[in-house]
Amino acid sequence: MDSAGPLIKELKIANINFLMSLKNLEPKFATKQIQKDTNHIAWIVGHCVSHMDSYLSYHTGKRNFSQEERDYYAYGVSKDQIIEYPYSFRDLIDMYLEISSEYIQILEGLPTEKFQQIPSEEQKEVLSDLIHRISLHIMGHTGQIVLLRRMFDNPYWGFVGGVSEKQRDELRKEWLVWWKENKSEFP
């Protein structure tokens, strides 16, 4: 691999699509389960944030999520445990913005050879594969959020934008304006 640029671009595309899947979300839908055995949007978001927090920790040596939060957002957690949402969705989104920005900034500062190395003793994959993994993971969950949004409030909700850097920047500015104007509505 000659350049990490395409990998970071992939992650940035996943990141903006994830954010855009939440734009104009009505607060009442953040923790609504469509049926008892499904995850709600807040859990999906927290699951993705926890995953990225884990990857960030390979570079910083610290976790932003407590063990209790990691357990709540863990893959395979009982759906009965997520019915009552014990956290602040507003804080969760703000944490995602911080964690994703820091992670991308760290990746952009790494020398190219680091992308073919295993970043932590806990991992078995090289960094480039981990970036693909988290990008695909976030996009898969973005699809889940879009499907929930179609059921809850907008049957035409769709995604995949931000392929060009200019479009990503415009979408992010638009999203941040929406979040600033609406975040106080979320618990």
N, C-alpha and C. Protein backbone atom coordinates (compact mmCIF):
# COMPACT_ATOMS: atom_id res chain seq x y z
N MET A 1 0.84 -1.18 0.00
CA MET A 1 0.00 0.00 0.00
C MET A 1 0.88 1.23 0.00
N ASP A 2 0.73 2.06 -1.00
CA ASP A 2 1.58 3.23 -1.14
C ASP A 2 1.11 4.41 -0.32
N SER A 3 -0.19 4.50 -0.07
CA SER A 3 -0.72 5.67 0.60
C SER A 3 -1.89 5.31 1.49
N ALA A 4 -1.97 5.99 2.60
CA ALA A 4 -3.09 5.78 3.52
C ALA A 4 -4.27 6.66 3.13
N GLY A 5 -4.07 7.55 2.18
CA GLY A 5 -5.13 8.49 1.78
C GLY A 5 -6.46 7.83 1.46
N PRO A 6 -6.49 6.80 0.62
CA PRO A 6 -7.77 6.15 0.31
C PRO A 6 -8.45 5.52 1.53
N LEU A 7 -7.68 5.00 2.46
CA LEU A 7 -8.24 4.41 3.67
C LEU A 7 -8.90 5.47 4.54
N ILE A 8 -8.21 6.57 4.70
CA ILE A 8 -8.75 7.66 5.53
C ILE A 8 -9.97 8.27 4.85
N LYS A 9 -9.92 8.38 3.52
CA LYS A 9 -11.08 8.89 2.79
C LYS A 9 -12.29 7.97 3.00
N GLU A 10 -12.08 6.67 2.96
CA GLU A 10 -13.15 5.70 3.19
C GLU A 10 -13.78 5.92 4.57
N LEU A 11 -12.94 6.11 5.58
CA LEU A 11 -13.44 6.34 6.93
C LEU A 11 -14.20 7.67 7.00
N LYS A 12 -13.70 8.69 6.34
CA LYS A 12 -14.39 9.99 6.34
C LYS A 12 -15.75 9.90 5.64
N ILE A 13 -15.84 9.12 4.59
CA ILE A 13 -17.12 8.93 3.90
C ILE A 13 -18.10 8.20 4.82
N ALA A 14 -17.62 7.16 5.50
CA ALA A 14 -18.47 6.45 6.45
C ALA A 14 -18.92 7.40 7.56
N ASN A 15 -18.01 8.21 8.04
CA ASN A 15 -18.28 9.14 9.12
C ASN A 15 -19.38 10.14 8.74
N ILE A 16 -19.29 10.76 7.58
CA ILE A 16 -20.29 11.76 7.20
C ILE A 16 -21.64 11.11 6.93
N ASN A 17 -21.64 9.92 6.37
CA ASN A 17 -22.91 9.24 6.13
C ASN A 17 -23.58 8.83 7.44
N PHE A 18 -22.77 8.42 8.41
CA PHE A 18 -23.28 8.10 9.73
C PHE A 18 -23.95 9.33 10.34
N LEU A 19 -23.26 10.45 10.31
CA LEU A 19 -23.84 11.69 10.85
C LEU A 19 -25.10 12.09 10.10
N MET A 20 -25.06 12.01 8.77
CA MET A 20 -26.22 12.43 7.98
C MET A 20 -27.43 11.52 8.23
N SER A 21 -27.19 10.27 8.61
CA SER A 21 -28.32 9.39 8.90
C SER A 21 -29.09 9.86 10.13
N LEU A 22 -28.47 10.69 10.94
CA LEU A 22 -29.09 11.21 12.16
C LEU A 22 -29.69 12.60 12.00
N LYS A 23 -29.38 13.25 10.89
CA LYS A 23 -29.85 14.62 10.69
C LYS A 23 -31.38 14.66 10.67
N ASN A 24 -31.93 15.63 11.37
CA ASN A 24 -33.38 15.84 11.48
C ASN A 24 -34.10 14.74 12.25
N LEU A 25 -33.36 13.93 12.97
CA LEU A 25 -33.96 12.90 13.80
C LEU A 25 -34.80 13.56 14.89
N GLU A 26 -36.01 13.11 15.05
CA GLU A 26 -36.84 13.60 16.15
C GLU A 26 -36.38 12.89 17.42
N PRO A 27 -36.18 13.64 18.52
CA PRO A 27 -35.67 13.04 19.75
C PRO A 27 -36.45 11.81 20.21
N LYS A 28 -37.75 11.79 19.99
CA LYS A 28 -38.56 10.66 20.47
C LYS A 28 -38.19 9.35 19.78
N PHE A 29 -37.53 9.42 18.62
CA PHE A 29 -37.17 8.21 17.90
C PHE A 29 -35.78 7.69 18.26
N ALA A 30 -34.99 8.47 18.98
CA ALA A 30 -33.62 8.06 19.30
C ALA A 30 -33.59 6.76 20.11
N THR A 31 -34.56 6.58 21.00
CA THR A 31 -34.55 5.38 21.86
C THR A 31 -35.77 4.50 21.65
N LYS A 32 -36.42 4.66 20.53
CA LYS A 32 -37.61 3.83 20.25
C LYS A 32 -37.18 2.54 19.55
N GLN A 33 -37.60 1.42 20.11
CA GLN A 33 -37.38 0.13 19.46
C GLN A 33 -38.57 -0.15 18.55
N ILE A 34 -38.30 -0.51 17.32
CA ILE A 34 -39.36 -0.80 16.36
C ILE A 34 -40.12 -2.06 16.78
N GLN A 35 -39.41 -2.98 17.41
CA GLN A 35 -40.00 -4.15 18.05
C GLN A 35 -39.02 -4.61 19.12
N LYS A 36 -39.46 -5.47 20.01
CA LYS A 36 -38.70 -5.82 21.21
C LYS A 36 -37.30 -6.37 20.93
N ASP A 37 -37.12 -7.07 19.84
CA ASP A 37 -35.82 -7.72 19.60
C ASP A 37 -34.91 -6.92 18.67
N THR A 38 -35.13 -5.61 18.57
CA THR A 38 -34.27 -4.78 17.72
C THR A 38 -33.57 -3.70 18.56
N ASN A 39 -32.47 -3.22 18.05
CA ASN A 39 -31.75 -2.13 18.69
C ASN A 39 -32.38 -0.80 18.31
N HIS A 40 -32.34 0.13 19.23
CA HIS A 40 -32.80 1.48 18.89
C HIS A 40 -31.61 2.30 18.39
N ILE A 41 -31.92 3.45 17.82
CA ILE A 41 -30.88 4.27 17.20
C ILE A 41 -29.80 4.66 18.20
N ALA A 42 -30.19 5.04 19.41
CA ALA A 42 -29.18 5.44 20.41
C ALA A 42 -28.21 4.30 20.69
N TRP A 43 -28.72 3.06 20.76
CA TRP A 43 -27.82 1.94 21.00
C TRP A 43 -26.89 1.75 19.81
N ILE A 44 -27.43 1.83 18.60
CA ILE A 44 -26.61 1.66 17.39
C ILE A 44 -25.50 2.70 17.37
N VAL A 45 -25.86 3.95 17.65
CA VAL A 45 -24.86 5.02 17.66
C VAL A 45 -23.80 4.72 18.72
N GLY A 46 -24.23 4.39 19.93
CA GLY A 46 -23.27 4.10 21.00
C GLY A 46 -22.37 2.92 20.68
N HIS A 47 -22.93 1.92 20.02
CA HIS A 47 -22.15 0.76 19.61
C HIS A 47 -21.03 1.19 18.66
N CYS A 48 -21.35 2.03 17.70
CA CYS A 48 -20.34 2.52 16.74
C CYS A 48 -19.31 3.42 17.43
N VAL A 49 -19.77 4.28 18.33
CA VAL A 49 -18.86 5.17 19.05
C VAL A 49 -17.91 4.34 19.92
N SER A 50 -18.43 3.33 20.59
CA SER A 50 -17.60 2.47 21.44
C SER A 50 -16.55 1.75 20.60
N HIS A 51 -16.93 1.31 19.41
CA HIS A 51 -16.00 0.64 18.51
C HIS A 51 -14.87 1.59 18.12
N MET A 52 -15.23 2.81 17.74
CA MET A 52 -14.20 3.77 17.35
C MET A 52 -13.35 4.17 18.56
N ASP A 53 -13.97 4.27 19.73
CA ASP A 53 -13.23 4.58 20.95
C ASP A 53 -12.18 3.49 21.21
N SER A 54 -12.54 2.25 20.95
CA SER A 54 -11.61 1.14 21.10
C SER A 54 -10.42 1.30 20.16
N TYR A 55 -10.70 1.62 18.91
CA TYR A 55 -9.62 1.79 17.93
C TYR A 55 -8.76 3.00 18.26
N LEU A 56 -9.38 4.07 18.73
CA LEU A 56 -8.62 5.25 19.13
C LEU A 56 -7.66 4.90 20.27
N SER A 57 -8.12 4.05 21.19
CA SER A 57 -7.30 3.70 22.35
C SER A 57 -6.00 3.00 21.96
N TYR A 58 -5.94 2.36 20.79
CA TYR A 58 -4.69 1.74 20.34
C TYR A 58 -3.60 2.78 20.16
N HIS A 59 -4.02 4.02 19.93
CA HIS A 59 -3.05 5.10 19.68
C HIS A 59 -2.87 6.00 20.89
N THR A 60 -3.87 6.07 21.76
CA THR A 60 -3.80 6.99 22.91
C THR A 60 -3.55 6.27 24.23
N GLY A 61 -3.86 4.97 24.28
CA GLY A 61 -3.69 4.22 25.51
C GLY A 61 -4.80 4.42 26.53
N LYS A 62 -5.86 5.12 26.14
CA LYS A 62 -6.97 5.33 27.09
C LYS A 62 -8.31 5.17 26.38
N ARG A 63 -9.32 4.82 27.18
CA ARG A 63 -10.69 4.70 26.67
C ARG A 63 -11.52 5.86 27.19
N ASN A 64 -12.40 6.38 26.35
CA ASN A 64 -13.32 7.43 26.74
C ASN A 64 -14.58 6.84 27.38
N PHE A 65 -14.97 5.66 26.94
CA PHE A 65 -16.15 4.99 27.49
C PHE A 65 -15.76 4.20 28.73
N SER A 66 -16.61 4.26 29.74
CA SER A 66 -16.41 3.46 30.94
C SER A 66 -16.68 1.99 30.60
N GLN A 67 -16.28 1.10 31.48
CA GLN A 67 -16.56 -0.32 31.26
C GLN A 67 -18.06 -0.56 31.22
N GLU A 68 -18.81 0.14 32.06
CA GLU A 68 -20.27 0.00 32.07
C GLU A 68 -20.87 0.39 30.71
N GLU A 69 -20.38 1.48 30.13
CA GLU A 69 -20.86 1.90 28.81
C GLU A 69 -20.47 0.89 27.74
N ARG A 70 -19.24 0.40 27.80
CA ARG A 70 -18.80 -0.59 26.82
C ARG A 70 -19.65 -1.84 26.90
N ASP A 71 -20.00 -2.25 28.12
CA ASP A 71 -20.85 -3.43 28.29
C ASP A 71 -22.26 -3.18 27.74
N TYR A 72 -22.78 -2.00 27.94
CA TYR A 72 -24.13 -1.66 27.46
C TYR A 72 -24.19 -1.70 25.93
N TYR A 73 -23.16 -1.18 25.28
CA TYR A 73 -23.14 -1.08 23.81
C TYR A 73 -22.47 -2.28 23.13
N ALA A 74 -22.18 -3.32 23.87
CA ALA A 74 -21.46 -4.46 23.33
C ALA A 74 -22.31 -5.29 22.38
N TYR A 75 -21.64 -5.85 21.38
CA TYR A 75 -22.29 -6.78 20.46
C TYR A 75 -22.90 -7.92 21.26
N GLY A 76 -24.12 -8.27 20.95
CA GLY A 76 -24.78 -9.40 21.58
C GLY A 76 -25.45 -9.11 22.91
N VAL A 77 -25.42 -7.85 23.35
CA VAL A 77 -26.09 -7.52 24.61
C VAL A 77 -27.58 -7.84 24.48
N SER A 78 -28.18 -8.29 25.56
CA SER A 78 -29.60 -8.63 25.55
C SER A 78 -30.44 -7.39 25.22
N LYS A 79 -31.41 -7.57 24.35
CA LYS A 79 -32.28 -6.45 23.98
C LYS A 79 -33.09 -5.96 25.18
N ASP A 80 -33.29 -6.84 26.15
CA ASP A 80 -33.98 -6.42 27.38
C ASP A 80 -33.17 -5.39 28.15
N GLN A 81 -31.86 -5.44 28.02
CA GLN A 81 -31.00 -4.50 28.72
C GLN A 81 -30.99 -3.11 28.09
N ILE A 82 -31.42 -3.00 26.84
CA ILE A 82 -31.33 -1.69 26.18
C ILE A 82 -32.67 -0.96 26.12
N ILE A 83 -33.73 -1.57 26.63
CA ILE A 83 -35.05 -0.93 26.57
C ILE A 83 -35.01 0.44 27.23
N GLU A 84 -34.51 0.51 28.45
CA GLU A 84 -34.38 1.79 29.14
C GLU A 84 -33.00 2.35 28.82
N TYR A 85 -32.97 3.49 28.17
CA TYR A 85 -31.70 4.09 27.77
C TYR A 85 -31.15 4.93 28.92
N PRO A 86 -30.02 4.51 29.52
CA PRO A 86 -29.53 5.17 30.72
C PRO A 86 -28.57 6.35 30.49
N TYR A 87 -28.31 6.69 29.25
CA TYR A 87 -27.30 7.70 28.94
C TYR A 87 -27.92 8.90 28.22
N SER A 88 -27.11 9.90 28.02
CA SER A 88 -27.54 11.10 27.28
C SER A 88 -27.18 10.93 25.81
N PHE A 89 -28.18 10.97 24.95
CA PHE A 89 -27.93 10.89 23.51
C PHE A 89 -27.12 12.11 23.06
N ARG A 90 -27.44 13.25 23.63
CA ARG A 90 -26.72 14.48 23.29
C ARG A 90 -25.23 14.32 23.59
N ASP A 91 -24.91 13.81 24.78
CA ASP A 91 -23.50 13.60 25.14
C ASP A 91 -22.85 12.54 24.25
N LEU A 92 -23.62 11.53 23.88
CA LEU A 92 -23.10 10.47 23.01
C LEU A 92 -22.68 11.04 21.66
N ILE A 93 -23.51 11.88 21.08
CA ILE A 93 -23.18 12.48 19.78
C ILE A 93 -21.96 13.39 19.92
N ASP A 94 -21.93 14.20 20.96
CA ASP A 94 -20.76 15.06 21.17
C ASP A 94 -19.50 14.22 21.35
N MET A 95 -19.61 13.09 22.04
CA MET A 95 -18.46 12.21 22.22
C MET A 95 -18.03 11.63 20.86
N TYR A 96 -19.01 11.25 20.03
CA TYR A 96 -18.65 10.73 18.71
C TYR A 96 -17.89 11.77 17.90
N LEU A 97 -18.35 13.01 17.94
CA LEU A 97 -17.67 14.06 17.20
C LEU A 97 -16.22 14.21 17.66
N GLU A 98 -16.00 14.15 18.96
CA GLU A 98 -14.64 14.26 19.50
C GLU A 98 -13.79 13.05 19.14
N ILE A 99 -14.33 11.86 19.38
CA ILE A 99 -13.56 10.63 19.16
C ILE A 99 -13.23 10.46 17.68
N SER A 100 -14.21 10.66 16.81
CA SER A 100 -13.96 10.47 15.38
C SER A 100 -12.96 11.51 14.86
N SER A 101 -13.06 12.74 15.32
CA SER A 101 -12.11 13.78 14.89
C SER A 101 -10.70 13.44 15.35
N GLU A 102 -10.57 13.04 16.60
CA GLU A 102 -9.25 12.70 17.13
C GLU A 102 -8.65 11.49 16.40
N TYR A 103 -9.48 10.48 16.16
CA TYR A 103 -9.00 9.28 15.48
C TYR A 103 -8.52 9.60 14.07
N ILE A 104 -9.32 10.34 13.34
CA ILE A 104 -8.93 10.70 11.96
C ILE A 104 -7.67 11.56 11.97
N GLN A 105 -7.59 12.49 12.90
CA GLN A 105 -6.40 13.35 12.99
C GLN A 105 -5.15 12.52 13.26
N ILE A 106 -5.26 11.55 14.16
CA ILE A 106 -4.11 10.67 14.45
C ILE A 106 -3.72 9.88 13.20
N LEU A 107 -4.73 9.31 12.51
CA LEU A 107 -4.44 8.54 11.30
C LEU A 107 -3.75 9.40 10.25
N GLU A 108 -4.20 10.63 10.10
CA GLU A 108 -3.60 11.51 9.10
C GLU A 108 -2.16 11.87 9.42
N GLY A 109 -1.77 11.75 10.68
CA GLY A 109 -0.41 12.07 11.07
C GLY A 109 0.56 10.89 11.09
N LEU A 110 0.04 9.69 10.84
CA LEU A 110 0.90 8.51 10.89
C LEU A 110 1.71 8.34 9.60
N PRO A 111 2.93 7.85 9.73
CA PRO A 111 3.70 7.51 8.52
C PRO A 111 3.05 6.30 7.82
N THR A 112 3.20 6.23 6.54
CA THR A 112 2.57 5.21 5.72
C THR A 112 2.87 3.79 6.21
N GLU A 113 4.09 3.53 6.65
CA GLU A 113 4.44 2.17 7.06
C GLU A 113 3.63 1.69 8.26
N LYS A 114 3.11 2.59 9.08
CA LYS A 114 2.30 2.20 10.25
C LYS A 114 1.00 1.51 9.84
N PHE A 115 0.52 1.78 8.64
CA PHE A 115 -0.74 1.20 8.19
C PHE A 115 -0.62 -0.28 7.85
N GLN A 116 0.61 -0.77 7.76
CA GLN A 116 0.83 -2.19 7.53
C GLN A 116 1.35 -2.90 8.78
N GLN A 117 1.21 -2.23 9.91
CA GLN A 117 1.62 -2.81 11.19
C GLN A 117 0.40 -3.04 12.08
N ILE A 118 0.55 -3.96 13.01
CA ILE A 118 -0.51 -4.22 13.99
C ILE A 118 -0.37 -3.16 15.08
N PRO A 119 -1.44 -2.37 15.32
CA PRO A 119 -1.32 -1.23 16.22
C PRO A 119 -1.33 -1.55 17.71
N SER A 120 -1.67 -2.78 18.07
CA SER A 120 -1.81 -3.11 19.48
C SER A 120 -1.63 -4.61 19.67
N GLU A 121 -1.18 -4.98 20.84
CA GLU A 121 -1.03 -6.40 21.15
C GLU A 121 -2.38 -7.11 21.17
N GLU A 122 -3.46 -6.36 21.39
CA GLU A 122 -4.80 -6.93 21.43
C GLU A 122 -5.32 -7.32 20.04
N GLN A 123 -4.69 -6.82 19.00
CA GLN A 123 -5.17 -7.02 17.64
C GLN A 123 -4.35 -8.06 16.91
N LYS A 124 -4.99 -8.61 15.88
CA LYS A 124 -4.30 -9.56 15.00
C LYS A 124 -4.21 -9.01 13.58
N GLU A 125 -4.89 -7.88 13.33
CA GLU A 125 -4.92 -7.30 11.99
C GLU A 125 -4.07 -6.03 11.93
N VAL A 126 -3.58 -5.77 10.74
CA VAL A 126 -2.83 -4.53 10.53
C VAL A 126 -3.79 -3.35 10.50
N LEU A 127 -3.27 -2.17 10.73
CA LEU A 127 -4.09 -0.96 10.83
C LEU A 127 -4.95 -0.74 9.59
N SER A 128 -4.41 -0.97 8.41
CA SER A 128 -5.21 -0.74 7.19
C SER A 128 -6.46 -1.62 7.19
N ASP A 129 -6.33 -2.86 7.63
CA ASP A 129 -7.50 -3.74 7.70
C ASP A 129 -8.48 -3.28 8.77
N LEU A 130 -7.96 -2.77 9.88
CA LEU A 130 -8.85 -2.25 10.93
C LEU A 130 -9.65 -1.04 10.44
N ILE A 131 -9.01 -0.20 9.65
CA ILE A 131 -9.72 0.97 9.11
C ILE A 131 -10.83 0.52 8.16
N HIS A 132 -10.54 -0.46 7.31
CA HIS A 132 -11.60 -1.01 6.46
C HIS A 132 -12.72 -1.58 7.33
N ARG A 133 -12.35 -2.31 8.37
CA ARG A 133 -13.33 -2.95 9.24
C ARG A 133 -14.26 -1.92 9.88
N ILE A 134 -13.68 -0.87 10.46
CA ILE A 134 -14.53 0.11 11.14
C ILE A 134 -15.36 0.92 10.15
N SER A 135 -14.82 1.19 8.99
CA SER A 135 -15.58 1.92 7.96
C SER A 135 -16.80 1.11 7.52
N LEU A 136 -16.59 -0.17 7.26
CA LEU A 136 -17.70 -1.04 6.86
C LEU A 136 -18.69 -1.23 8.00
N HIS A 137 -18.17 -1.34 9.21
CA HIS A 137 -19.03 -1.49 10.39
C HIS A 137 -19.96 -0.28 10.54
N ILE A 138 -19.37 0.90 10.45
CA ILE A 138 -20.17 2.13 10.57
C ILE A 138 -21.18 2.23 9.43
N MET A 139 -20.78 1.90 8.21
CA MET A 139 -21.73 1.97 7.09
C MET A 139 -22.85 0.96 7.23
N GLY A 140 -22.54 -0.23 7.74
CA GLY A 140 -23.60 -1.22 7.96
C GLY A 140 -24.62 -0.71 8.96
N HIS A 141 -24.13 -0.12 10.04
CA HIS A 141 -25.05 0.43 11.04
C HIS A 141 -25.75 1.69 10.54
N THR A 142 -25.11 2.42 9.67
CA THR A 142 -25.77 3.57 9.05
C THR A 142 -26.99 3.09 8.27
N GLY A 143 -26.85 1.98 7.58
CA GLY A 143 -27.98 1.39 6.87
C GLY A 143 -29.11 1.02 7.81
N GLN A 144 -28.78 0.49 8.99
CA GLN A 144 -29.81 0.17 9.97
C GLN A 144 -30.54 1.44 10.42
N ILE A 145 -29.78 2.49 10.67
CA ILE A 145 -30.40 3.75 11.10
C ILE A 145 -31.31 4.28 10.01
N VAL A 146 -30.86 4.22 8.77
CA VAL A 146 -31.69 4.68 7.65
C VAL A 146 -32.98 3.88 7.57
N LEU A 147 -32.91 2.58 7.73
CA LEU A 147 -34.13 1.76 7.71
C LEU A 147 -35.07 2.15 8.84
N LEU A 148 -34.54 2.37 10.03
CA LEU A 148 -35.38 2.81 11.14
C LEU A 148 -35.99 4.18 10.86
N ARG A 149 -35.20 5.07 10.31
CA ARG A 149 -35.73 6.41 9.96
C ARG A 149 -36.86 6.29 8.94
N ARG A 150 -36.73 5.39 7.99
CA ARG A 150 -37.80 5.19 7.00
C ARG A 150 -39.07 4.69 7.68
N MET A 151 -38.93 3.86 8.69
CA MET A 151 -40.11 3.35 9.40
C MET A 151 -40.71 4.41 10.32
N PHE A 152 -39.87 5.21 10.94
CA PHE A 152 -40.36 6.17 11.92
C PHE A 152 -40.92 7.45 11.32
N ASP A 153 -40.13 8.09 10.45
CA ASP A 153 -40.51 9.46 10.10
C ASP A 153 -40.31 9.90 8.67
N ASN A 154 -39.65 9.09 7.85
CA ASN A 154 -39.41 9.55 6.48
C ASN A 154 -39.19 8.36 5.57
N PRO A 155 -40.24 7.94 4.86
CA PRO A 155 -40.11 6.74 4.02
C PRO A 155 -39.12 6.91 2.87
N TYR A 156 -38.63 8.12 2.64
CA TYR A 156 -37.71 8.36 1.53
C TYR A 156 -36.29 8.65 2.00
N TRP A 157 -36.05 8.44 3.31
CA TRP A 157 -34.72 8.74 3.84
C TRP A 157 -33.70 7.86 3.14
N GLY A 158 -32.60 8.44 2.76
CA GLY A 158 -31.57 7.69 2.06
C GLY A 158 -30.19 8.21 2.41
N PHE A 159 -29.22 7.58 1.88
CA PHE A 159 -27.85 7.99 2.14
C PHE A 159 -26.95 7.53 1.03
N VAL A 160 -25.85 7.84 1.06
CA VAL A 160 -24.51 7.73 0.57
C VAL A 160 -24.20 8.98 -0.23
N GLY A 161 -23.54 9.84 0.50
CA GLY A 161 -23.04 11.09 -0.03
C GLY A 161 -21.66 11.32 0.54
N GLY A 162 -21.12 12.46 0.24
CA GLY A 162 -19.83 12.83 0.81
C GLY A 162 -18.64 12.10 0.23
N VAL A 163 -18.78 11.65 -1.01
CA VAL A 163 -17.65 10.96 -1.62
C VAL A 163 -16.53 11.95 -1.93
N SER A 164 -16.89 13.13 -2.36
CA SER A 164 -15.85 14.14 -2.60
C SER A 164 -15.60 14.92 -1.31
N GLU A 165 -14.39 15.39 -1.15
CA GLU A 165 -14.04 16.14 0.06
C GLU A 165 -14.89 17.41 0.18
N LYS A 166 -15.11 18.08 -0.93
CA LYS A 166 -15.92 19.30 -0.90
C LYS A 166 -17.33 19.00 -0.41
N GLN A 167 -17.93 17.92 -0.91
CA GLN A 167 -19.28 17.57 -0.47
C GLN A 167 -19.29 17.18 1.00
N ARG A 168 -18.27 16.43 1.45
CA ARG A 168 -18.18 16.06 2.87
C ARG A 168 -18.12 17.30 3.74
N ASP A 169 -17.30 18.27 3.34
CA ASP A 169 -17.17 19.50 4.11
C ASP A 169 -18.49 20.25 4.18
N GLU A 170 -19.19 20.33 3.05
CA GLU A 170 -20.49 21.01 3.03
C GLU A 170 -21.51 20.29 3.89
N LEU A 171 -21.58 18.96 3.76
CA LEU A 171 -22.51 18.18 4.56
C LEU A 171 -22.21 18.30 6.05
N ARG A 172 -20.93 18.28 6.40
CA ARG A 172 -20.56 18.40 7.81
C ARG A 172 -20.95 19.76 8.37
N LYS A 173 -20.70 20.83 7.62
CA LYS A 173 -21.10 22.17 8.09
C LYS A 173 -22.61 22.23 8.29
N GLU A 174 -23.34 21.70 7.33
CA GLU A 174 -24.80 21.66 7.42
C GLU A 174 -25.25 20.84 8.63
N TRP A 175 -24.61 19.69 8.83
CA TRP A 175 -24.97 18.82 9.94
C TRP A 175 -24.68 19.51 11.27
N LEU A 176 -23.51 20.15 11.39
CA LEU A 176 -23.14 20.82 12.64
C LEU A 176 -24.09 21.97 12.98
N VAL A 177 -24.57 22.68 11.97
CA VAL A 177 -25.56 23.73 12.20
C VAL A 177 -26.84 23.10 12.76
N TRP A 178 -27.29 22.01 12.11
CA TRP A 178 -28.49 21.33 12.60
C TRP A 178 -28.29 20.87 14.04
N TRP A 179 -27.15 20.26 14.35
CA TRP A 179 -26.90 19.73 15.69
C TRP A 179 -26.88 20.87 16.72
N LYS A 180 -26.22 21.95 16.39
CA LYS A 180 -26.15 23.09 17.32
C LYS A 180 -27.55 23.63 17.61
N GLU A 181 -28.38 23.69 16.60
CA GLU A 181 -29.73 24.22 16.76
C GLU A 181 -30.67 23.24 17.48
N ASN A 182 -30.39 21.95 17.43
CA ASN A 182 -31.33 20.95 17.93
C ASN A 182 -30.86 20.08 19.08
N LYS A 183 -29.59 20.12 19.44
CA LYS A 183 -29.08 19.18 20.43
C LYS A 183 -29.75 19.32 21.79
N SER A 184 -30.21 20.52 22.13
CA SER A 184 -30.87 20.69 23.43
C SER A 184 -32.19 19.96 23.52
N GLU A 185 -32.74 19.53 22.38
CA GLU A 185 -34.00 18.79 22.36
C GLU A 185 -33.83 17.32 22.76
N PHE A 186 -32.58 16.86 22.72
CA PHE A 186 -32.29 15.46 23.01
C PHE A 186 -31.92 15.30 24.49
N PRO A 187 -32.34 14.18 25.06
CA PRO A 187 -31.97 13.94 26.47
C PRO A 187 -30.48 13.70 26.61
